[in-house]
Amino acid sequence: MAQRASRADMPAPADPAVRACIAQELDAMRTALEDLGEALCADRALVRRHLTALQAIDELCQRHEHLARILRGADMMAEVRATSLDALRLRLCDRLAGRAA
């Protein structure tokens, strides 16, 4: 069993290395979701019955991609504002209103 790091051993949340690691995890999750979606889409009957759910998987993949891009950005607020997924951009901007300089 892996030993958990203590808080003293962990880098500060604003640390670019932490952001990069989280972005990598989001990328891995996106890839896994894309693979799942592709496997499910190979079954035409399943696609006909569950098109809305498959589209939701695609939207989750896009959100993961945008969040990873935001985390990697030198100016994360600029990345938030540049996000092309309107619903995600609006949610993030609403939540961060008043926090950005």
PDB file of N, CA and C in Angstrom:
ATOM      1  N   MET A   1       0.842  -1.174   0.000  1.00  0.00           N
ATOM      2  CA  MET A   1       0.000   0.000   0.000  1.00  0.00           C
ATOM      3  C   MET A   1       0.891   1.242   0.000  1.00  0.00           C
ATOM      4  N   ALA A   2       0.579   2.201  -0.860  1.00  0.00           N
ATOM      5  CA  ALA A   2       1.374   3.427  -0.954  1.00  0.00           C
ATOM      6  C   ALA A   2       1.134   4.288   0.273  1.00  0.00           C
ATOM      7  N   GLN A   3       2.200   4.901   0.728  1.00  0.00           N
ATOM      8  CA  GLN A   3       2.112   5.775   1.882  1.00  0.00           C
ATOM      9  C   GLN A   3       1.679   7.145   1.418  1.00  0.00           C
ATOM     10  N   ARG A   4       0.727   7.747   2.121  1.00  0.00           N
ATOM     11  CA  ARG A   4       0.237   9.071   1.768  1.00  0.00           C
ATOM     12  C   ARG A   4       1.227  10.135   2.227  1.00  0.00           C
ATOM     13  N   ALA A   5       1.407  11.152   1.401  1.00  0.00           N
ATOM     14  CA  ALA A   5       2.296  12.255   1.751  1.00  0.00           C
ATOM     15  C   ALA A   5       1.605  13.145   2.781  1.00  0.00           C
ATOM     16  N   SER A   6       2.399  13.683   3.679  1.00  0.00           N
ATOM     17  CA  SER A   6       1.834  14.612   4.653  1.00  0.00           C
ATOM     18  C   SER A   6       1.656  15.968   3.983  1.00  0.00           C
ATOM     19  N   ARG A   7       0.855  16.800   4.594  1.00  0.00           N
ATOM     20  CA  ARG A   7       0.628  18.143   4.036  1.00  0.00           C
ATOM     21  C   ARG A   7       1.934  18.906   3.882  1.00  0.00           C
ATOM     22  N   ALA A   8       2.863  18.722   4.802  1.00  0.00           N
ATOM     23  CA  ALA A   8       4.145  19.429   4.737  1.00  0.00           C
ATOM     24  C   ALA A   8       4.946  19.012   3.505  1.00  0.00           C
ATOM     25  N   ASP A   9       4.736  17.781   3.021  1.00  0.00           N
ATOM     26  CA  ASP A   9       5.464  17.284   1.858  1.00  0.00           C
ATOM     27  C   ASP A   9       4.852  17.717   0.532  1.00  0.00           C
ATOM     28  N   MET A  10       3.647  18.240   0.570  1.00  0.00           N
ATOM     29  CA  MET A  10       2.940  18.564  -0.662  1.00  0.00           C
ATOM     30  C   MET A  10       3.235  20.001  -1.081  1.00  0.00           C
ATOM     31  N   PRO A  11       3.395  20.232  -2.395  1.00  0.00           N
ATOM     32  CA  PRO A  11       3.631  21.599  -2.861  1.00  0.00           C
ATOM     33  C   PRO A  11       2.376  22.455  -2.696  1.00  0.00           C
ATOM     34  N   ALA A  12       2.565  23.759  -2.707  1.00  0.00           N
ATOM     35  CA  ALA A  12       1.447  24.694  -2.582  1.00  0.00           C
ATOM     36  C   ALA A  12       0.498  24.526  -3.770  1.00  0.00           C
ATOM     37  N   PRO A  13      -0.824  24.685  -3.566  1.00  0.00           N
ATOM     38  CA  PRO A  13      -1.788  24.494  -4.640  1.00  0.00           C
ATOM     39  C   PRO A  13      -1.532  25.351  -5.878  1.00  0.00           C
ATOM     40  N   ALA A  14      -0.944  26.520  -5.725  1.00  0.00           N
ATOM     41  CA  ALA A  14      -0.683  27.386  -6.863  1.00  0.00           C
ATOM     42  C   ALA A  14       0.556  26.947  -7.643  1.00  0.00           C
ATOM     43  N   ASP A  15       1.255  25.979  -7.148  1.00  0.00           N
ATOM     44  CA  ASP A  15       2.468  25.467  -7.766  1.00  0.00           C
ATOM     45  C   ASP A  15       2.166  24.980  -9.185  1.00  0.00           C
ATOM     46  N   PRO A  16       2.905  25.474 -10.187  1.00  0.00           N
ATOM     47  CA  PRO A  16       2.682  25.034 -11.563  1.00  0.00           C
ATOM     48  C   PRO A  16       2.819  23.520 -11.743  1.00  0.00           C
ATOM     49  N   ALA A  17       3.643  22.885 -10.943  1.00  0.00           N
ATOM     50  CA  ALA A  17       3.798  21.436 -11.046  1.00  0.00           C
ATOM     51  C   ALA A  17       2.515  20.722 -10.628  1.00  0.00           C
ATOM     52  N   VAL A  18       1.844  21.242  -9.609  1.00  0.00           N
ATOM     53  CA  VAL A  18       0.574  20.667  -9.169  1.00  0.00           C
ATOM     54  C   VAL A  18      -0.458  20.827 -10.275  1.00  0.00           C
ATOM     55  N   ARG A  19      -0.521  22.028 -10.842  1.00  0.00           N
ATOM     56  CA  ARG A  19      -1.476  22.273 -11.927  1.00  0.00           C
ATOM     57  C   ARG A  19      -1.192  21.355 -13.109  1.00  0.00           C
ATOM     58  N   ALA A  20       0.079  21.158 -13.444  1.00  0.00           N
ATOM     59  CA  ALA A  20       0.438  20.290 -14.572  1.00  0.00           C
ATOM     60  C   ALA A  20       0.035  18.845 -14.295  1.00  0.00           C
ATOM     61  N   CYS A  21       0.232  18.389 -13.072  1.00  0.00           N
ATOM     62  CA  CYS A  21      -0.160  17.018 -12.717  1.00  0.00           C
ATOM     63  C   CYS A  21      -1.668  16.835 -12.812  1.00  0.00           C
ATOM     64  N   ILE A  22      -2.416  17.803 -12.336  1.00  0.00           N
ATOM     65  CA  ILE A  22      -3.874  17.718 -12.420  1.00  0.00           C
ATOM     66  C   ILE A  22      -4.309  17.741 -13.884  1.00  0.00           C
ATOM     67  N   ALA A  23      -3.685  18.592 -14.693  1.00  0.00           N
ATOM     68  CA  ALA A  23      -4.006  18.644 -16.114  1.00  0.00           C
ATOM     69  C   ALA A  23      -3.730  17.304 -16.790  1.00  0.00           C
ATOM     70  N   GLN A  24      -2.643  16.658 -16.409  1.00  0.00           N
ATOM     71  CA  GLN A  24      -2.330  15.338 -16.974  1.00  0.00           C
ATOM     72  C   GLN A  24      -3.393  14.310 -16.593  1.00  0.00           C
ATOM     73  N   GLU A  25      -3.864  14.377 -15.370  1.00  0.00           N
ATOM     74  CA  GLU A  25      -4.924  13.463 -14.936  1.00  0.00           C
ATOM     75  C   GLU A  25      -6.209  13.720 -15.719  1.00  0.00           C
ATOM     76  N   LEU A  26      -6.535  14.982 -15.935  1.00  0.00           N
ATOM     77  CA  LEU A  26      -7.713  15.310 -16.737  1.00  0.00           C
ATOM     78  C   LEU A  26      -7.560  14.775 -18.160  1.00  0.00           C
ATOM     79  N   ASP A  27      -6.364  14.891 -18.717  1.00  0.00           N
ATOM     80  CA  ASP A  27      -6.115  14.358 -20.061  1.00  0.00           C
ATOM     81  C   ASP A  27      -6.307  12.845 -20.092  1.00  0.00           C
ATOM     82  N   ALA A  28      -5.825  12.157 -19.068  1.00  0.00           N
ATOM     83  CA  ALA A  28      -5.965  10.705 -19.012  1.00  0.00           C
ATOM     84  C   ALA A  28      -7.437  10.313 -18.886  1.00  0.00           C
ATOM     85  N   MET A  29      -8.181  11.044 -18.073  1.00  0.00           N
ATOM     86  CA  MET A  29      -9.607  10.778 -17.934  1.00  0.00           C
ATOM     87  C   MET A  29     -10.336  11.030 -19.248  1.00  0.00           C
ATOM     88  N   ARG A  30      -9.960  12.097 -19.944  1.00  0.00           N
ATOM     89  CA  ARG A  30     -10.571  12.406 -21.239  1.00  0.00           C
ATOM     90  C   ARG A  30     -10.317  11.280 -22.224  1.00  0.00           C
ATOM     91  N   THR A  31      -9.096  10.804 -22.270  1.00  0.00           N
ATOM     92  CA  THR A  31      -8.759   9.711 -23.179  1.00  0.00           C
ATOM     93  C   THR A  31      -9.574   8.465 -22.863  1.00  0.00           C
ATOM     94  N   ALA A  32      -9.707   8.146 -21.592  1.00  0.00           N
ATOM     95  CA  ALA A  32     -10.489   6.965 -21.195  1.00  0.00           C
ATOM     96  C   ALA A  32     -11.958   7.132 -21.588  1.00  0.00           C
ATOM     97  N   LEU A  33     -12.501   8.324 -21.389  1.00  0.00           N
ATOM     98  CA  LEU A  33     -13.887   8.576 -21.776  1.00  0.00           C
ATOM     99  C   LEU A  33     -14.064   8.501 -23.291  1.00  0.00           C
ATOM    100  N   GLU A  34     -13.093   9.050 -24.026  1.00  0.00           N
ATOM    101  CA  GLU A  34     -13.169   8.980 -25.491  1.00  0.00           C
ATOM    102  C   GLU A  34     -13.133   7.528 -25.963  1.00  0.00           C
ATOM    103  N   ASP A  35     -12.258   6.725 -25.364  1.00  0.00           N
ATOM    104  CA  ASP A  35     -12.170   5.307 -25.726  1.00  0.00           C
ATOM    105  C   ASP A  35     -13.491   4.600 -25.432  1.00  0.00           C
ATOM    106  N   LEU A  36     -14.090   4.897 -24.291  1.00  0.00           N
ATOM    107  CA  LEU A  36     -15.375   4.315 -23.935  1.00  0.00           C
ATOM    108  C   LEU A  36     -16.442   4.721 -24.948  1.00  0.00           C
ATOM    109  N   GLY A  37     -16.490   6.010 -25.270  1.00  0.00           N
ATOM    110  CA  GLY A  37     -17.468   6.492 -26.242  1.00  0.00           C
ATOM    111  C   GLY A  37     -17.303   5.829 -27.595  1.00  0.00           C
ATOM    112  N   GLU A  38     -16.066   5.682 -28.048  1.00  0.00           N
ATOM    113  CA  GLU A  38     -15.816   5.031 -29.336  1.00  0.00           C
ATOM    114  C   GLU A  38     -16.262   3.572 -29.311  1.00  0.00           C
ATOM    115  N   ALA A  39     -15.986   2.890 -28.221  1.00  0.00           N
ATOM    116  CA  ALA A  39     -16.396   1.484 -28.116  1.00  0.00           C
ATOM    117  C   ALA A  39     -17.915   1.368 -28.148  1.00  0.00           C
ATOM    118  N   LEU A  40     -18.592   2.250 -27.436  1.00  0.00           N
ATOM    119  CA  LEU A  40     -20.052   2.208 -27.419  1.00  0.00           C
ATOM    120  C   LEU A  40     -20.647   2.578 -28.776  1.00  0.00           C
ATOM    121  N   CYS A  41     -20.014   3.513 -29.467  1.00  0.00           N
ATOM    122  CA  CYS A  41     -20.516   3.953 -30.776  1.00  0.00           C
ATOM    123  C   CYS A  41     -20.350   2.887 -31.854  1.00  0.00           C
ATOM    124  N   ALA A  42     -19.575   1.866 -31.598  1.00  0.00           N
ATOM    125  CA  ALA A  42     -19.406   0.778 -32.566  1.00  0.00           C
ATOM    126  C   ALA A  42     -20.683  -0.058 -32.688  1.00  0.00           C
ATOM    127  N   ASP A  43     -21.560   0.061 -31.734  1.00  0.00           N
ATOM    128  CA  ASP A  43     -22.828  -0.678 -31.732  1.00  0.00           C
ATOM    129  C   ASP A  43     -23.936   0.272 -32.181  1.00  0.00           C
ATOM    130  N   ARG A  44     -24.363   0.133 -33.432  1.00  0.00           N
ATOM    131  CA  ARG A  44     -25.360   1.059 -33.996  1.00  0.00           C
ATOM    132  C   ARG A  44     -26.671   1.051 -33.221  1.00  0.00           C
ATOM    133  N   ALA A  45     -27.098  -0.109 -32.776  1.00  0.00           N
ATOM    134  CA  ALA A  45     -28.341  -0.183 -32.007  1.00  0.00           C
ATOM    135  C   ALA A  45     -28.209   0.581 -30.694  1.00  0.00           C
ATOM    136  N   LEU A  46     -27.064   0.441 -30.050  1.00  0.00           N
ATOM    137  CA  LEU A  46     -26.819   1.170 -28.807  1.00  0.00           C
ATOM    138  C   LEU A  46     -26.824   2.673 -29.064  1.00  0.00           C
ATOM    139  N   VAL A  47     -26.222   3.091 -30.163  1.00  0.00           N
ATOM    140  CA  VAL A  47     -26.183   4.517 -30.499  1.00  0.00           C
ATOM    141  C   VAL A  47     -27.604   5.043 -30.683  1.00  0.00           C
ATOM    142  N   ARG A  48     -28.436   4.302 -31.391  1.00  0.00           N
ATOM    143  CA  ARG A  48     -29.832   4.742 -31.602  1.00  0.00           C
ATOM    144  C   ARG A  48     -30.573   4.875 -30.275  1.00  0.00           C
ATOM    145  N   ARG A  49     -30.338   3.951 -29.367  1.00  0.00           N
ATOM    146  CA  ARG A  49     -31.048   3.976 -28.083  1.00  0.00           C
ATOM    147  C   ARG A  49     -30.485   4.993 -27.094  1.00  0.00           C
ATOM    148  N   HIS A  50     -29.204   5.303 -27.209  1.00  0.00           N
ATOM    149  CA  HIS A  50     -28.551   6.110 -26.162  1.00  0.00           C
ATOM    150  C   HIS A  50     -27.760   7.295 -26.718  1.00  0.00           C
ATOM    151  N   LEU A  51     -28.242   7.876 -27.788  1.00  0.00           N
ATOM    152  CA  LEU A  51     -27.514   8.980 -28.418  1.00  0.00           C
ATOM    153  C   LEU A  51     -27.272  10.137 -27.443  1.00  0.00           C
ATOM    154  N   THR A  52     -28.266  10.495 -26.666  1.00  0.00           N
ATOM    155  CA  THR A  52     -28.115  11.613 -25.717  1.00  0.00           C
ATOM    156  C   THR A  52     -27.021  11.315 -24.688  1.00  0.00           C
ATOM    157  N   ALA A  53     -26.976  10.103 -24.184  1.00  0.00           N
ATOM    158  CA  ALA A  53     -25.943   9.729 -23.215  1.00  0.00           C
ATOM    159  C   ALA A  53     -24.562   9.748 -23.859  1.00  0.00           C
ATOM    160  N   LEU A  54     -24.469   9.304 -25.104  1.00  0.00           N
ATOM    161  CA  LEU A  54     -23.183   9.323 -25.807  1.00  0.00           C
ATOM    162  C   LEU A  54     -22.725  10.757 -26.065  1.00  0.00           C
ATOM    163  N   GLN A  55     -23.663  11.630 -26.361  1.00  0.00           N
ATOM    164  CA  GLN A  55     -23.315  13.040 -26.535  1.00  0.00           C
ATOM    165  C   GLN A  55     -22.845  13.649 -25.217  1.00  0.00           C
ATOM    166  N   ALA A  56     -23.413  13.195 -24.112  1.00  0.00           N
ATOM    167  CA  ALA A  56     -22.978  13.675 -22.793  1.00  0.00           C
ATOM    168  C   ALA A  56     -21.538  13.247 -22.513  1.00  0.00           C
ATOM    169  N   ILE A  57     -21.174  12.035 -22.936  1.00  0.00           N
ATOM    170  CA  ILE A  57     -19.788  11.584 -22.783  1.00  0.00           C
ATOM    171  C   ILE A  57     -18.864  12.488 -23.586  1.00  0.00           C
ATOM    172  N   ASP A  58     -19.261  12.838 -24.800  1.00  0.00           N
ATOM    173  CA  ASP A  58     -18.452  13.734 -25.630  1.00  0.00           C
ATOM    174  C   ASP A  58     -18.293  15.101 -24.965  1.00  0.00           C
ATOM    175  N   GLU A  59     -19.378  15.611 -24.384  1.00  0.00           N
ATOM    176  CA  GLU A  59     -19.309  16.908 -23.714  1.00  0.00           C
ATOM    177  C   GLU A  59     -18.379  16.848 -22.507  1.00  0.00           C
ATOM    178  N   LEU A  60     -18.397  15.738 -21.773  1.00  0.00           N
ATOM    179  CA  LEU A  60     -17.475  15.571 -20.643  1.00  0.00           C
ATOM    180  C   LEU A  60     -16.025  15.582 -21.119  1.00  0.00           C
ATOM    181  N   CYS A  61     -15.766  14.947 -22.255  1.00  0.00           N
ATOM    182  CA  CYS A  61     -14.412  14.944 -22.827  1.00  0.00           C
ATOM    183  C   CYS A  61     -13.964  16.369 -23.143  1.00  0.00           C
ATOM    184  N   GLN A  62     -14.863  17.145 -23.719  1.00  0.00           N
ATOM    185  CA  GLN A  62     -14.525  18.529 -24.054  1.00  0.00           C
ATOM    186  C   GLN A  62     -14.258  19.349 -22.797  1.00  0.00           C
ATOM    187  N   ARG A  63     -15.053  19.139 -21.760  1.00  0.00           N
ATOM    188  CA  ARG A  63     -14.827  19.863 -20.506  1.00  0.00           C
ATOM    189  C   ARG A  63     -13.473  19.514 -19.912  1.00  0.00           C
ATOM    190  N   HIS A  64     -13.117  18.222 -19.924  1.00  0.00           N
ATOM    191  CA  HIS A  64     -11.810  17.812 -19.418  1.00  0.00           C
ATOM    192  C   HIS A  64     -10.699  18.515 -20.198  1.00  0.00           C
ATOM    193  N   GLU A  65     -10.840  18.552 -21.510  1.00  0.00           N
ATOM    194  CA  GLU A  65      -9.821  19.193 -22.344  1.00  0.00           C
ATOM    195  C   GLU A  65      -9.673  20.676 -22.003  1.00  0.00           C
ATOM    196  N   HIS A  66     -10.779  21.371 -21.856  1.00  0.00           N
ATOM    197  CA  HIS A  66     -10.721  22.805 -21.543  1.00  0.00           C
ATOM    198  C   HIS A  66     -10.163  23.057 -20.148  1.00  0.00           C
ATOM    199  N   LEU A  67     -10.560  22.240 -19.178  1.00  0.00           N
ATOM    200  CA  LEU A  67     -10.038  22.423 -17.824  1.00  0.00           C
ATOM    201  C   LEU A  67      -8.532  22.182 -17.770  1.00  0.00           C
ATOM    202  N   ALA A  68      -8.059  21.187 -18.491  1.00  0.00           N
ATOM    203  CA  ALA A  68      -6.610  20.938 -18.545  1.00  0.00           C
ATOM    204  C   ALA A  68      -5.893  22.128 -19.172  1.00  0.00           C
ATOM    205  N   ARG A  69      -6.468  22.678 -20.230  1.00  0.00           N
ATOM    206  CA  ARG A  69      -5.862  23.843 -20.891  1.00  0.00           C
ATOM    207  C   ARG A  69      -5.807  25.034 -19.926  1.00  0.00           C
ATOM    208  N   ILE A  70      -6.869  25.238 -19.169  1.00  0.00           N
ATOM    209  CA  ILE A  70      -6.895  26.337 -18.191  1.00  0.00           C
ATOM    210  C   ILE A  70      -5.794  26.145 -17.156  1.00  0.00           C
ATOM    211  N   LEU A  71      -5.669  24.936 -16.645  1.00  0.00           N
ATOM    212  CA  LEU A  71      -4.645  24.670 -15.625  1.00  0.00           C
ATOM    213  C   LEU A  71      -3.239  24.885 -16.150  1.00  0.00           C
ATOM    214  N   ARG A  72      -3.015  24.611 -17.426  1.00  0.00           N
ATOM    215  CA  ARG A  72      -1.680  24.773 -18.011  1.00  0.00           C
ATOM    216  C   ARG A  72      -1.362  26.230 -18.373  1.00  0.00           C
ATOM    217  N   GLY A  73      -2.377  27.055 -18.438  1.00  0.00           N
ATOM    218  CA  GLY A  73      -2.192  28.432 -18.902  1.00  0.00           C
ATOM    219  C   GLY A  73      -1.413  29.292 -17.928  1.00  0.00           C
ATOM    220  N   ALA A  74      -0.571  30.149 -18.481  1.00  0.00           N
ATOM    221  CA  ALA A  74       0.169  31.103 -17.641  1.00  0.00           C
ATOM    222  C   ALA A  74      -0.806  32.086 -17.007  1.00  0.00           C
ATOM    223  N   ASP A  75      -1.835  32.479 -17.749  1.00  0.00           N
ATOM    224  CA  ASP A  75      -2.890  33.360 -17.246  1.00  0.00           C
ATOM    225  C   ASP A  75      -4.182  32.544 -17.261  1.00  0.00           C
ATOM    226  N   MET A  76      -4.479  31.927 -16.133  1.00  0.00           N
ATOM    227  CA  MET A  76      -5.624  31.019 -16.078  1.00  0.00           C
ATOM    228  C   MET A  76      -6.942  31.745 -16.318  1.00  0.00           C
ATOM    229  N   MET A  77      -7.089  32.970 -15.864  1.00  0.00           N
ATOM    230  CA  MET A  77      -8.338  33.704 -16.107  1.00  0.00           C
ATOM    231  C   MET A  77      -8.510  33.999 -17.594  1.00  0.00           C
ATOM    232  N   ALA A  78      -7.421  34.298 -18.281  1.00  0.00           N
ATOM    233  CA  ALA A  78      -7.511  34.525 -19.731  1.00  0.00           C
ATOM    234  C   ALA A  78      -7.948  33.232 -20.417  1.00  0.00           C
ATOM    235  N   GLU A  79      -7.450  32.110 -19.939  1.00  0.00           N
ATOM    236  CA  GLU A  79      -7.853  30.813 -20.501  1.00  0.00           C
ATOM    237  C   GLU A  79      -9.329  30.535 -20.229  1.00  0.00           C
ATOM    238  N   VAL A  80      -9.789  30.887 -19.024  1.00  0.00           N
ATOM    239  CA  VAL A  80     -11.214  30.723 -18.705  1.00  0.00           C
ATOM    240  C   VAL A  80     -12.045  31.535 -19.682  1.00  0.00           C
ATOM    241  N   ARG A  81     -11.680  32.798 -19.875  1.00  0.00           N
ATOM    242  CA  ARG A  81     -12.442  33.673 -20.774  1.00  0.00           C
ATOM    243  C   ARG A  81     -12.383  33.213 -22.220  1.00  0.00           C
ATOM    244  N   ALA A  82     -11.324  32.499 -22.603  1.00  0.00           N
ATOM    245  CA  ALA A  82     -11.166  32.027 -23.980  1.00  0.00           C
ATOM    246  C   ALA A  82     -11.817  30.662 -24.216  1.00  0.00           C
ATOM    247  N   THR A  83     -12.351  30.060 -23.175  1.00  0.00           N
ATOM    248  CA  THR A  83     -12.963  28.737 -23.305  1.00  0.00           C
ATOM    249  C   THR A  83     -14.139  28.802 -24.266  1.00  0.00           C
ATOM    250  N   SER A  84     -14.134  27.927 -25.256  1.00  0.00           N
ATOM    251  CA  SER A  84     -15.186  27.951 -26.278  1.00  0.00           C
ATOM    252  C   SER A  84     -16.460  27.216 -25.868  1.00  0.00           C
ATOM    253  N   LEU A  85     -16.427  26.461 -24.777  1.00  0.00           N
ATOM    254  CA  LEU A  85     -17.652  25.837 -24.271  1.00  0.00           C
ATOM    255  C   LEU A  85     -18.392  26.886 -23.437  1.00  0.00           C
ATOM    256  N   ASP A  86     -19.440  27.441 -24.018  1.00  0.00           N
ATOM    257  CA  ASP A  86     -20.135  28.555 -23.380  1.00  0.00           C
ATOM    258  C   ASP A  86     -20.592  28.259 -21.959  1.00  0.00           C
ATOM    259  N   ALA A  87     -21.231  27.119 -21.752  1.00  0.00           N
ATOM    260  CA  ALA A  87     -21.760  26.803 -20.426  1.00  0.00           C
ATOM    261  C   ALA A  87     -20.639  26.708 -19.395  1.00  0.00           C
ATOM    262  N   LEU A  88     -19.534  26.081 -19.760  1.00  0.00           N
ATOM    263  CA  LEU A  88     -18.398  25.969 -18.848  1.00  0.00           C
ATOM    264  C   LEU A  88     -17.807  27.342 -18.566  1.00  0.00           C
ATOM    265  N   ARG A  89     -17.592  28.122 -19.618  1.00  0.00           N
ATOM    266  CA  ARG A  89     -17.025  29.460 -19.441  1.00  0.00           C
ATOM    267  C   ARG A  89     -17.906  30.304 -18.519  1.00  0.00           C
ATOM    268  N   LEU A  90     -19.211  30.276 -18.736  1.00  0.00           N
ATOM    269  CA  LEU A  90     -20.122  31.069 -17.913  1.00  0.00           C
ATOM    270  C   LEU A  90     -20.132  30.608 -16.462  1.00  0.00           C
ATOM    271  N   ARG A  91     -20.149  29.287 -16.238  1.00  0.00           N
ATOM    272  CA  ARG A  91     -20.108  28.776 -14.858  1.00  0.00           C
ATOM    273  C   ARG A  91     -18.830  29.219 -14.154  1.00  0.00           C
ATOM    274  N   LEU A  92     -17.695  29.063 -14.827  1.00  0.00           N
ATOM    275  CA  LEU A  92     -16.420  29.433 -14.205  1.00  0.00           C
ATOM    276  C   LEU A  92     -16.350  30.930 -13.954  1.00  0.00           C
ATOM    277  N   CYS A  93     -16.761  31.722 -14.937  1.00  0.00           N
ATOM    278  CA  CYS A  93     -16.721  33.176 -14.757  1.00  0.00           C
ATOM    279  C   CYS A  93     -17.640  33.611 -13.622  1.00  0.00           C
ATOM    280  N   ASP A  94     -18.829  33.010 -13.526  1.00  0.00           N
ATOM    281  CA  ASP A  94     -19.747  33.338 -12.434  1.00  0.00           C
ATOM    282  C   ASP A  94     -19.127  33.004 -11.078  1.00  0.00           C
ATOM    283  N   ARG A  95     -18.528  31.836 -10.990  1.00  0.00           N
ATOM    284  CA  ARG A  95     -17.932  31.397  -9.720  1.00  0.00           C
ATOM    285  C   ARG A  95     -16.719  32.228  -9.338  1.00  0.00           C
ATOM    286  N   LEU A  96     -16.015  32.737 -10.332  1.00  0.00           N
ATOM    287  CA  LEU A  96     -14.783  33.491 -10.071  1.00  0.00           C
ATOM    288  C   LEU A  96     -14.991  34.999 -10.101  1.00  0.00           C
ATOM    289  N   ALA A  97     -16.200  35.453 -10.330  1.00  0.00           N
ATOM    290  CA  ALA A  97     -16.488  36.891 -10.395  1.00  0.00           C
ATOM    291  C   ALA A  97     -15.982  37.584  -9.131  1.00  0.00           C
ATOM    292  N   GLY A  98     -15.277  38.665  -9.338  1.00  0.00           N
ATOM    293  CA  GLY A  98     -14.768  39.442  -8.210  1.00  0.00           C
ATOM    294  C   GLY A  98     -13.435  38.952  -7.682  1.00  0.00           C
ATOM    295  N   ARG A  99     -12.991  37.783  -8.111  1.00  0.00           N
ATOM    296  CA  ARG A  99     -11.721  37.243  -7.632  1.00  0.00           C
ATOM    297  C   ARG A  99     -10.568  37.628  -8.548  1.00  0.00           C
ATOM    298  N   ALA A 100     -10.871  37.836  -9.845  1.00  0.00           N
ATOM    299  CA  ALA A 100      -9.814  38.132 -10.823  1.00  0.00           C
ATOM    300  C   ALA A 100      -9.515  39.622 -10.812  1.00  0.00           C
ATOM    301  N   ALA A 101      -8.263  39.936 -10.932  1.00  0.00           N
ATOM    302  CA  ALA A 101      -7.858  41.339 -10.954  1.00  0.00           C
ATOM    303  C   ALA A 101      -8.071  41.901 -12.339  1.00  0.00           C
TER     304      ALA A 101
END
